[in-house]
Structure formats: C-alpha cells, structure tokens
Amino acid sequence: MPVEPRFLLLSDVAAELNVSDSQVYHMVRSGELPAIKIGGRGQWRVERARLEEYIQLKYTETAEWVRENPLAERDPE
C-alpha cells in the first residue's frame, strides 16, 4: 500500500485545489498558505497537514461569508 508523501510540490497543491501553479505560489509567498523552502535551490514544499488545515479554514471562512451575505429572495412572479 503506497504511503502519501508528507510534503507536496506546489504543482501537487495546485492540482488538489484545482487552481494554477502561479496561484499557489502567490498563496505561499503572501503567507496565506504555510510552506517551507528546502534544498540548495530553495524549492517550496507544503506539508499535507497544513494544506488540510488551510482547506478547513477556507470552509469556515466561506460559511461565515455565506451567513453574512444571504441570497436575496426573488419576488414571486
């Protein structure tokens, strides 16, 4: 049984979130998504646990936004 890697490439994170690599890079560089730089070339890696925490945070933020911005009811026709 294969073991999931602890750390993900930014391209792996992009695939998980269904966004572009450049969007993930911006999220990492802005500090929105925690990541580390490793190796001589300073390659970025995102810990799988941090990605899951980030996703949960986004669910919470979205739920709060939805509560604060309810859909307007349409007028009956």
N, C-alpha and C. Protein backbone atom coordinates (compact mmCIF):
# COMPACT_ATOMS: atom_id res chain seq x y z
N MET A 1 0.85 -1.18 0.00
CA MET A 1 0.00 0.00 0.00
C MET A 1 0.89 1.24 0.00
N PRO A 2 0.73 2.15 -0.99
CA PRO A 2 1.59 3.33 -1.08
C PRO A 2 1.30 4.31 0.06
N VAL A 3 2.35 4.95 0.53
CA VAL A 3 2.24 5.95 1.59
C VAL A 3 2.20 7.32 0.94
N GLU A 4 1.26 8.17 1.38
CA GLU A 4 1.19 9.52 0.84
C GLU A 4 2.37 10.33 1.36
N PRO A 5 2.98 11.14 0.51
CA PRO A 5 4.11 11.94 0.97
C PRO A 5 3.67 13.00 1.98
N ARG A 6 4.55 13.27 2.93
CA ARG A 6 4.25 14.30 3.94
C ARG A 6 4.24 15.69 3.31
N PHE A 7 5.17 15.93 2.37
CA PHE A 7 5.29 17.24 1.74
C PHE A 7 4.90 17.17 0.28
N LEU A 8 4.25 18.22 -0.20
CA LEU A 8 3.76 18.29 -1.57
C LEU A 8 4.48 19.37 -2.35
N LEU A 9 4.69 19.13 -3.63
CA LEU A 9 5.16 20.16 -4.54
C LEU A 9 4.05 21.18 -4.73
N LEU A 10 4.41 22.39 -5.11
CA LEU A 10 3.37 23.40 -5.37
C LEU A 10 2.43 22.94 -6.48
N SER A 11 2.97 22.21 -7.46
CA SER A 11 2.13 21.70 -8.54
C SER A 11 1.12 20.67 -8.02
N ASP A 12 1.52 19.88 -7.01
CA ASP A 12 0.59 18.93 -6.40
C ASP A 12 -0.52 19.66 -5.66
N VAL A 13 -0.14 20.73 -4.95
CA VAL A 13 -1.14 21.54 -4.23
C VAL A 13 -2.11 22.16 -5.23
N ALA A 14 -1.58 22.68 -6.33
CA ALA A 14 -2.42 23.28 -7.36
C ALA A 14 -3.42 22.27 -7.90
N ALA A 15 -2.97 21.04 -8.12
CA ALA A 15 -3.87 20.00 -8.61
C ALA A 15 -4.94 19.67 -7.57
N GLU A 16 -4.55 19.60 -6.30
CA GLU A 16 -5.51 19.31 -5.22
C GLU A 16 -6.60 20.37 -5.15
N LEU A 17 -6.18 21.64 -5.28
CA LEU A 17 -7.13 22.76 -5.15
C LEU A 17 -7.77 23.15 -6.48
N ASN A 18 -7.33 22.53 -7.57
CA ASN A 18 -7.84 22.84 -8.91
C ASN A 18 -7.64 24.33 -9.25
N VAL A 19 -6.42 24.81 -8.98
CA VAL A 19 -6.03 26.17 -9.32
C VAL A 19 -4.70 26.10 -10.06
N SER A 20 -4.20 27.24 -10.52
CA SER A 20 -2.93 27.24 -11.26
C SER A 20 -1.74 27.19 -10.30
N ASP A 21 -0.61 26.77 -10.83
CA ASP A 21 0.63 26.77 -10.06
C ASP A 21 0.95 28.18 -9.57
N SER A 22 0.73 29.18 -10.42
CA SER A 22 1.05 30.56 -10.03
C SER A 22 0.15 31.04 -8.89
N GLN A 23 -1.09 30.59 -8.85
CA GLN A 23 -1.96 30.96 -7.73
C GLN A 23 -1.43 30.38 -6.43
N VAL A 24 -0.98 29.14 -6.46
CA VAL A 24 -0.43 28.52 -5.26
C VAL A 24 0.85 29.23 -4.85
N TYR A 25 1.70 29.56 -5.81
CA TYR A 25 2.93 30.28 -5.50
C TYR A 25 2.60 31.60 -4.79
N HIS A 26 1.63 32.33 -5.29
CA HIS A 26 1.22 33.59 -4.66
C HIS A 26 0.70 33.34 -3.24
N MET A 27 -0.09 32.30 -3.04
CA MET A 27 -0.63 31.98 -1.71
C MET A 27 0.51 31.69 -0.73
N VAL A 28 1.54 31.00 -1.21
CA VAL A 28 2.69 30.67 -0.37
C VAL A 28 3.52 31.92 -0.08
N ARG A 29 3.84 32.68 -1.12
CA ARG A 29 4.67 33.87 -0.94
C ARG A 29 4.00 34.94 -0.10
N SER A 30 2.68 35.01 -0.13
CA SER A 30 1.96 36.01 0.67
C SER A 30 1.78 35.55 2.11
N GLY A 31 2.07 34.28 2.39
CA GLY A 31 1.90 33.76 3.74
C GLY A 31 0.52 33.18 4.00
N GLU A 32 -0.34 33.22 3.00
CA GLU A 32 -1.70 32.69 3.16
C GLU A 32 -1.67 31.18 3.40
N LEU A 33 -0.78 30.49 2.69
CA LEU A 33 -0.64 29.04 2.81
C LEU A 33 0.77 28.75 3.34
N PRO A 34 0.88 28.19 4.55
CA PRO A 34 2.21 27.90 5.10
C PRO A 34 2.98 26.90 4.25
N ALA A 35 4.27 27.19 4.07
CA ALA A 35 5.14 26.32 3.28
C ALA A 35 6.57 26.50 3.78
N ILE A 36 7.44 25.60 3.32
CA ILE A 36 8.86 25.70 3.66
C ILE A 36 9.67 25.67 2.37
N LYS A 37 10.87 26.23 2.45
CA LYS A 37 11.83 26.16 1.34
C LYS A 37 12.90 25.17 1.75
N ILE A 38 13.20 24.24 0.86
CA ILE A 38 14.22 23.23 1.16
C ILE A 38 15.19 23.11 -0.01
N GLY A 39 16.33 22.53 0.27
CA GLY A 39 17.31 22.27 -0.78
C GLY A 39 18.10 23.50 -1.16
N GLY A 40 19.14 23.27 -1.91
CA GLY A 40 20.03 24.33 -2.34
C GLY A 40 19.37 25.37 -3.22
N ARG A 41 18.38 24.96 -3.97
CA ARG A 41 17.67 25.88 -4.86
C ARG A 41 16.44 26.48 -4.20
N GLY A 42 16.19 26.13 -2.94
CA GLY A 42 15.05 26.70 -2.22
C GLY A 42 13.71 26.34 -2.81
N GLN A 43 13.50 25.07 -3.04
CA GLN A 43 12.24 24.63 -3.60
C GLN A 43 11.15 24.64 -2.52
N TRP A 44 9.99 25.11 -2.87
CA TRP A 44 8.87 25.20 -1.93
C TRP A 44 8.20 23.84 -1.76
N ARG A 45 7.81 23.56 -0.51
CA ARG A 45 7.04 22.36 -0.19
C ARG A 45 5.95 22.74 0.81
N VAL A 46 4.79 22.14 0.64
CA VAL A 46 3.66 22.36 1.55
C VAL A 46 3.37 21.05 2.25
N GLU A 47 3.35 21.09 3.56
CA GLU A 47 3.05 19.89 4.33
C GLU A 47 1.57 19.55 4.15
N ARG A 48 1.31 18.29 3.90
CA ARG A 48 -0.07 17.85 3.65
C ARG A 48 -1.01 18.28 4.79
N ALA A 49 -0.55 18.16 6.04
CA ALA A 49 -1.38 18.54 7.19
C ALA A 49 -1.72 20.03 7.13
N ARG A 50 -0.75 20.87 6.71
CA ARG A 50 -1.01 22.32 6.60
C ARG A 50 -2.01 22.60 5.50
N LEU A 51 -1.94 21.85 4.41
CA LEU A 51 -2.90 22.02 3.32
C LEU A 51 -4.30 21.67 3.81
N GLU A 52 -4.44 20.59 4.55
CA GLU A 52 -5.76 20.21 5.08
C GLU A 52 -6.28 21.27 6.04
N GLU A 53 -5.39 21.83 6.88
CA GLU A 53 -5.80 22.91 7.78
C GLU A 53 -6.26 24.13 6.99
N TYR A 54 -5.53 24.44 5.92
CA TYR A 54 -5.89 25.57 5.06
C TYR A 54 -7.27 25.36 4.44
N ILE A 55 -7.51 24.17 3.95
CA ILE A 55 -8.81 23.87 3.34
C ILE A 55 -9.92 24.02 4.37
N GLN A 56 -9.72 23.52 5.59
CA GLN A 56 -10.73 23.65 6.64
C GLN A 56 -10.97 25.12 6.98
N LEU A 57 -9.90 25.92 7.04
CA LEU A 57 -10.03 27.35 7.29
C LEU A 57 -10.88 28.00 6.21
N LYS A 58 -10.65 27.62 4.97
CA LYS A 58 -11.43 28.20 3.86
C LYS A 58 -12.90 27.81 3.94
N TYR A 59 -13.19 26.57 4.38
CA TYR A 59 -14.59 26.18 4.60
C TYR A 59 -15.22 27.07 5.67
N THR A 60 -14.50 27.32 6.75
CA THR A 60 -15.01 28.15 7.84
C THR A 60 -15.24 29.58 7.36
N GLU A 61 -14.26 30.14 6.67
CA GLU A 61 -14.39 31.50 6.14
C GLU A 61 -15.56 31.60 5.16
N THR A 62 -15.72 30.61 4.32
CA THR A 62 -16.81 30.63 3.35
C THR A 62 -18.16 30.55 4.05
N ALA A 63 -18.27 29.71 5.06
CA ALA A 63 -19.54 29.59 5.81
C ALA A 63 -19.89 30.92 6.47
N GLU A 64 -18.89 31.59 7.05
CA GLU A 64 -19.14 32.90 7.65
C GLU A 64 -19.59 33.91 6.60
N TRP A 65 -18.94 33.90 5.45
CA TRP A 65 -19.30 34.81 4.37
C TRP A 65 -20.73 34.56 3.91
N VAL A 66 -21.10 33.29 3.77
CA VAL A 66 -22.46 32.94 3.32
C VAL A 66 -23.49 33.45 4.34
N ARG A 67 -23.20 33.27 5.64
CA ARG A 67 -24.12 33.77 6.68
C ARG A 67 -24.27 35.29 6.61
N GLU A 68 -23.18 35.98 6.34
CA GLU A 68 -23.21 37.44 6.29
C GLU A 68 -23.76 37.99 4.97
N ASN A 69 -23.84 37.16 3.96
CA ASN A 69 -24.28 37.59 2.63
C ASN A 69 -25.35 36.64 2.10
N PRO A 70 -26.52 36.64 2.72
CA PRO A 70 -27.55 35.70 2.27
C PRO A 70 -28.06 36.05 0.87
N LEU A 71 -28.54 35.04 0.19
CA LEU A 71 -29.14 35.26 -1.12
C LEU A 71 -30.41 36.07 -0.94
N ALA A 72 -30.62 36.99 -1.84
CA ALA A 72 -31.86 37.77 -1.82
C ALA A 72 -32.96 36.90 -2.41
N GLU A 73 -34.08 36.89 -1.75
CA GLU A 73 -35.23 36.12 -2.26
C GLU A 73 -35.78 36.82 -3.50
N ARG A 74 -36.12 36.04 -4.50
CA ARG A 74 -36.74 36.59 -5.70
C ARG A 74 -38.20 36.93 -5.41
N ASP A 75 -38.66 37.99 -6.08
CA ASP A 75 -40.08 38.33 -5.97
C ASP A 75 -40.88 37.28 -6.68
N PRO A 76 -41.98 36.81 -6.05
CA PRO A 76 -42.84 35.84 -6.76
C PRO A 76 -43.41 36.47 -8.02
N GLU A 77 -43.43 35.70 -9.07
CA GLU A 77 -43.94 36.22 -10.35
C GLU A 77 -45.39 35.99 -10.51
